[in-house]
Amino acid sequence: MRLRDQRDRFPPTRLFPGAEDWPGTAQRRTTALSPDDMGAWRHMFTLGVQVPDLFCRVEWGTGGAYRLWLLDIGRTSWATADFEPGRGEFEVAEYGPRRLWAEAEAVLSWWREHGEPGFARYGLTVAPRGQRVWLDHPDNPVPVRVP
């Protein structure tokens, strides 16, 4: 779990390759996955468990619009999704060797396939060999997607 103090230590978006001239050469597409859905606490928790090297930034626009950035701590890849209230499709740009928005879509798909679990269904086992998060029972570990 990240502490409030740790969040400020993540590098700013401008330090990522290709981010200063957004969208630059990023691959662009649309998605039905709303950045607003991705920002819900239960989704961010599941995303953080499954993709632990990922963090987010938000750039606020006007009228409730914003750009959600997904960035990897290795500074190799980023993705953005632009939210505008009332839209059903959202513009996505992905840059680098990883497709971070696609990774987020896969995590949210897993979450939905498992009945949209809330925090109470997750558990944590800590042992001398390491730790793991599980769903419903210690014999059901949550997958970690590490590239």
C-alpha atoms as a PDB file:
ATOM      1  CA  MET A   1       0.000   0.000   0.000  1.00  0.00           C
ATOM      2  CA  ARG A   2       1.351   3.418  -0.915  1.00  0.00           C
ATOM      3  CA  LEU A   3       1.575   6.052   1.757  1.00  0.00           C
ATOM      4  CA  ARG A   4       0.607   9.656   1.105  1.00  0.00           C
ATOM      5  CA  ASP A   5       4.277  10.626   1.428  1.00  0.00           C
ATOM      6  CA  GLN A   6       5.294   8.131  -1.277  1.00  0.00           C
ATOM      7  CA  ARG A   7       2.905   9.535  -3.898  1.00  0.00           C
ATOM      8  CA  ASP A   8       4.900  12.758  -4.205  1.00  0.00           C
ATOM      9  CA  ARG A   9       8.062  10.805  -5.037  1.00  0.00           C
ATOM     10  CA  PHE A  10       6.773   9.491  -8.356  1.00  0.00           C
ATOM     11  CA  PRO A  11       8.326  11.347 -11.302  1.00  0.00           C
ATOM     12  CA  PRO A  12       6.280  14.021 -13.079  1.00  0.00           C
ATOM     13  CA  THR A  13       4.821  13.202 -16.500  1.00  0.00           C
ATOM     14  CA  ARG A  14       7.236  15.550 -18.291  1.00  0.00           C
ATOM     15  CA  LEU A  15      10.141  13.213 -17.403  1.00  0.00           C
ATOM     16  CA  PHE A  16       8.654  10.350 -19.430  1.00  0.00           C
ATOM     17  CA  PRO A  17       9.838   9.803 -23.012  1.00  0.00           C
ATOM     18  CA  GLY A  18       7.398  11.261 -25.526  1.00  0.00           C
ATOM     19  CA  ALA A  19       5.190  12.918 -22.906  1.00  0.00           C
ATOM     20  CA  GLU A  20       6.320  16.514 -23.421  1.00  0.00           C
ATOM     21  CA  ASP A  21       4.952  16.633 -26.955  1.00  0.00           C
ATOM     22  CA  TRP A  22       1.784  14.685 -26.089  1.00  0.00           C
ATOM     23  CA  PRO A  23       0.429  12.771 -27.947  1.00  0.00           C
ATOM     24  CA  GLY A  24       3.404  12.807 -30.295  1.00  0.00           C
ATOM     25  CA  THR A  25       3.969   9.332 -31.698  1.00  0.00           C
ATOM     26  CA  ALA A  26       1.719   7.591 -29.168  1.00  0.00           C
ATOM     27  CA  GLN A  27      -0.709   5.011 -30.521  1.00  0.00           C
ATOM     28  CA  ARG A  28      -4.237   6.412 -30.379  1.00  0.00           C
ATOM     29  CA  ARG A  29      -7.591   4.700 -30.089  1.00  0.00           C
ATOM     30  CA  THR A  30     -10.914   4.987 -28.312  1.00  0.00           C
ATOM     31  CA  THR A  31     -12.237   2.962 -25.404  1.00  0.00           C
ATOM     32  CA  ALA A  32     -15.548   2.480 -23.644  1.00  0.00           C
ATOM     33  CA  LEU A  33     -13.700   2.219 -20.312  1.00  0.00           C
ATOM     34  CA  SER A  34     -14.241   5.570 -18.671  1.00  0.00           C
ATOM     35  CA  PRO A  35     -11.333   7.163 -16.824  1.00  0.00           C
ATOM     36  CA  ASP A  36     -13.961   7.930 -14.178  1.00  0.00           C
ATOM     37  CA  ASP A  37     -14.512   4.187 -13.689  1.00  0.00           C
ATOM     38  CA  MET A  38     -10.775   3.603 -13.427  1.00  0.00           C
ATOM     39  CA  GLY A  39     -10.458   6.255 -10.722  1.00  0.00           C
ATOM     40  CA  ALA A  40     -12.849   4.589  -8.261  1.00  0.00           C
ATOM     41  CA  TRP A  41     -11.040   3.391  -5.111  1.00  0.00           C
ATOM     42  CA  ARG A  42     -11.984  -0.279  -5.535  1.00  0.00           C
ATOM     43  CA  HIS A  43     -10.668  -0.212  -9.113  1.00  0.00           C
ATOM     44  CA  MET A  44      -7.472   1.610  -8.177  1.00  0.00           C
ATOM     45  CA  PHE A  45      -6.880  -0.899  -5.379  1.00  0.00           C
ATOM     46  CA  THR A  46      -7.271  -3.861  -7.751  1.00  0.00           C
ATOM     47  CA  LEU A  47      -5.104  -2.126 -10.353  1.00  0.00           C
ATOM     48  CA  GLY A  48      -2.421  -1.448  -7.730  1.00  0.00           C
ATOM     49  CA  VAL A  49      -2.393  -5.099  -6.637  1.00  0.00           C
ATOM     50  CA  GLN A  50      -2.235  -6.515 -10.149  1.00  0.00           C
ATOM     51  CA  VAL A  51       0.064  -3.908 -11.723  1.00  0.00           C
ATOM     52  CA  PRO A  52       2.203  -2.708  -8.786  1.00  0.00           C
ATOM     53  CA  ASP A  53       4.627  -0.688 -10.921  1.00  0.00           C
ATOM     54  CA  LEU A  54       1.878   1.627 -12.179  1.00  0.00           C
ATOM     55  CA  PHE A  55       0.846   5.035 -10.855  1.00  0.00           C
ATOM     56  CA  CYS A  56      -1.580   7.749 -11.937  1.00  0.00           C
ATOM     57  CA  ARG A  57      -1.658  11.495 -12.433  1.00  0.00           C
ATOM     58  CA  VAL A  58      -4.610  13.726 -13.300  1.00  0.00           C
ATOM     59  CA  GLU A  59      -4.557  16.916 -15.368  1.00  0.00           C
ATOM     60  CA  TRP A  60      -7.763  18.857 -14.785  1.00  0.00           C
ATOM     61  CA  GLY A  61      -9.496  20.647 -17.629  1.00  0.00           C
ATOM     62  CA  THR A  62     -12.664  22.728 -17.573  1.00  0.00           C
ATOM     63  CA  GLY A  63     -16.267  21.711 -17.022  1.00  0.00           C
ATOM     64  CA  GLY A  64     -15.374  18.455 -15.274  1.00  0.00           C
ATOM     65  CA  ALA A  65     -13.056  17.257 -18.065  1.00  0.00           C
ATOM     66  CA  TYR A  66      -9.650  15.803 -17.238  1.00  0.00           C
ATOM     67  CA  ARG A  67      -6.834  13.668 -18.602  1.00  0.00           C
ATOM     68  CA  LEU A  68      -5.901  10.560 -16.607  1.00  0.00           C
ATOM     69  CA  TRP A  69      -2.264   9.489 -16.992  1.00  0.00           C
ATOM     70  CA  LEU A  70      -1.127   5.932 -16.243  1.00  0.00           C
ATOM     71  CA  LEU A  71       2.656   5.725 -15.896  1.00  0.00           C
ATOM     72  CA  ASP A  72       5.106   2.967 -15.057  1.00  0.00           C
ATOM     73  CA  ILE A  73       7.746   3.661 -12.429  1.00  0.00           C
ATOM     74  CA  GLY A  74      10.443   2.462 -14.823  1.00  0.00           C
ATOM     75  CA  ARG A  75       9.676   5.529 -16.984  1.00  0.00           C
ATOM     76  CA  THR A  76       9.335   3.473 -20.154  1.00  0.00           C
ATOM     77  CA  SER A  77       5.620   3.723 -20.908  1.00  0.00           C
ATOM     78  CA  TRP A  78       2.552   5.873 -20.348  1.00  0.00           C
ATOM     79  CA  ALA A  79      -1.067   6.034 -21.360  1.00  0.00           C
ATOM     80  CA  THR A  80      -3.631   8.798 -21.210  1.00  0.00           C
ATOM     81  CA  ALA A  81      -7.407   8.721 -21.359  1.00  0.00           C
ATOM     82  CA  ASP A  82      -9.418  11.911 -21.743  1.00  0.00           C
ATOM     83  CA  PHE A  83     -12.638  12.180 -19.752  1.00  0.00           C
ATOM     84  CA  GLU A  84     -15.481  14.489 -20.728  1.00  0.00           C
ATOM     85  CA  PRO A  85     -18.811  14.316 -18.871  1.00  0.00           C
ATOM     86  CA  GLY A  86     -21.587  12.715 -20.903  1.00  0.00           C
ATOM     87  CA  ARG A  87     -19.348  10.843 -23.347  1.00  0.00           C
ATOM     88  CA  GLY A  88     -19.557   7.101 -23.926  1.00  0.00           C
ATOM     89  CA  GLU A  89     -16.208   6.713 -25.681  1.00  0.00           C
ATOM     90  CA  PHE A  90     -12.903   8.156 -24.565  1.00  0.00           C
ATOM     91  CA  GLU A  91      -9.693   9.004 -26.416  1.00  0.00           C
ATOM     92  CA  VAL A  92      -6.669   6.950 -25.346  1.00  0.00           C
ATOM     93  CA  ALA A  93      -3.003   7.470 -26.210  1.00  0.00           C
ATOM     94  CA  GLU A  94      -0.410   4.796 -25.333  1.00  0.00           C
ATOM     95  CA  TYR A  95       3.348   5.247 -25.605  1.00  0.00           C
ATOM     96  CA  GLY A  96       6.296   2.956 -24.982  1.00  0.00           C
ATOM     97  CA  PRO A  97       6.811  -0.801 -25.015  1.00  0.00           C
ATOM     98  CA  ARG A  98       3.834  -1.456 -22.723  1.00  0.00           C
ATOM     99  CA  ARG A  99       0.190  -0.734 -23.433  1.00  0.00           C
ATOM    100  CA  LEU A 100      -0.775   0.517 -19.982  1.00  0.00           C
ATOM    101  CA  TRP A 101      -4.391   1.334 -20.772  1.00  0.00           C
ATOM    102  CA  ALA A 102      -4.819  -2.176 -22.204  1.00  0.00           C
ATOM    103  CA  GLU A 103      -3.319  -3.549 -18.979  1.00  0.00           C
ATOM    104  CA  ALA A 104      -5.830  -1.498 -16.983  1.00  0.00           C
ATOM    105  CA  GLU A 105      -8.677  -2.777 -19.171  1.00  0.00           C
ATOM    106  CA  ALA A 106      -7.549  -6.370 -18.504  1.00  0.00           C
ATOM    107  CA  VAL A 107      -7.498  -5.743 -14.741  1.00  0.00           C
ATOM    108  CA  LEU A 108     -10.982  -4.235 -14.791  1.00  0.00           C
ATOM    109  CA  SER A 109     -12.218  -7.156 -16.895  1.00  0.00           C
ATOM    110  CA  TRP A 110     -10.780  -9.577 -14.291  1.00  0.00           C
ATOM    111  CA  TRP A 111     -12.488  -7.576 -11.550  1.00  0.00           C
ATOM    112  CA  ARG A 112     -15.874  -7.771 -13.320  1.00  0.00           C
ATOM    113  CA  GLU A 113     -15.449 -11.512 -14.040  1.00  0.00           C
ATOM    114  CA  HIS A 114     -14.958 -12.054 -10.296  1.00  0.00           C
ATOM    115  CA  GLY A 115     -18.202 -10.335  -9.312  1.00  0.00           C
ATOM    116  CA  GLU A 116     -16.847  -6.788  -8.833  1.00  0.00           C
ATOM    117  CA  PRO A 117     -15.364  -7.527  -5.401  1.00  0.00           C
ATOM    118  CA  GLY A 118     -15.248  -4.871  -2.726  1.00  0.00           C
ATOM    119  CA  PHE A 119     -12.461  -4.487  -0.202  1.00  0.00           C
ATOM    120  CA  ALA A 120     -13.986  -7.030   2.216  1.00  0.00           C
ATOM    121  CA  ARG A 121     -13.380  -9.891  -0.243  1.00  0.00           C
ATOM    122  CA  TYR A 122      -9.629  -9.303  -0.404  1.00  0.00           C
ATOM    123  CA  GLY A 123      -7.120 -10.658   2.071  1.00  0.00           C
ATOM    124  CA  LEU A 124      -3.390 -10.527   2.598  1.00  0.00           C
ATOM    125  CA  THR A 125      -1.013 -13.286   3.599  1.00  0.00           C
ATOM    126  CA  VAL A 126       2.423 -12.253   4.849  1.00  0.00           C
ATOM    127  CA  ALA A 127       5.036 -14.985   5.274  1.00  0.00           C
ATOM    128  CA  PRO A 128       8.820 -15.102   5.501  1.00  0.00           C
ATOM    129  CA  ARG A 129       8.957 -15.869   1.749  1.00  0.00           C
ATOM    130  CA  GLY A 130       6.892 -12.833   0.806  1.00  0.00           C
ATOM    131  CA  GLN A 131       3.372 -11.568   0.705  1.00  0.00           C
ATOM    132  CA  ARG A 132       0.366 -12.048  -1.545  1.00  0.00           C
ATOM    133  CA  VAL A 133      -3.099 -10.638  -1.905  1.00  0.00           C
ATOM    134  CA  TRP A 134      -5.928 -13.091  -2.340  1.00  0.00           C
ATOM    135  CA  LEU A 135      -9.622 -12.994  -3.190  1.00  0.00           C
ATOM    136  CA  ASP A 136     -12.186 -14.744  -0.954  1.00  0.00           C
ATOM    137  CA  HIS A 137      -9.739 -17.409   0.280  1.00  0.00           C
ATOM    138  CA  PRO A 138      -5.959 -17.675   0.776  1.00  0.00           C
ATOM    139  CA  ASP A 139      -5.822 -20.391  -1.906  1.00  0.00           C
ATOM    140  CA  ASN A 140      -7.096 -17.923  -4.523  1.00  0.00           C
ATOM    141  CA  PRO A 141      -4.254 -15.407  -5.112  1.00  0.00           C
ATOM    142  CA  VAL A 142      -4.940 -12.272  -7.120  1.00  0.00           C
ATOM    143  CA  PRO A 143      -2.779 -12.382 -10.258  1.00  0.00           C
ATOM    144  CA  VAL A 144       0.099  -9.940 -10.473  1.00  0.00           C
ATOM    145  CA  ARG A 145       0.785  -8.731 -14.010  1.00  0.00           C
ATOM    146  CA  VAL A 146       4.466  -7.886 -14.179  1.00  0.00           C
ATOM    147  CA  PRO A 147       5.958  -7.427 -17.634  1.00  0.00           C
END
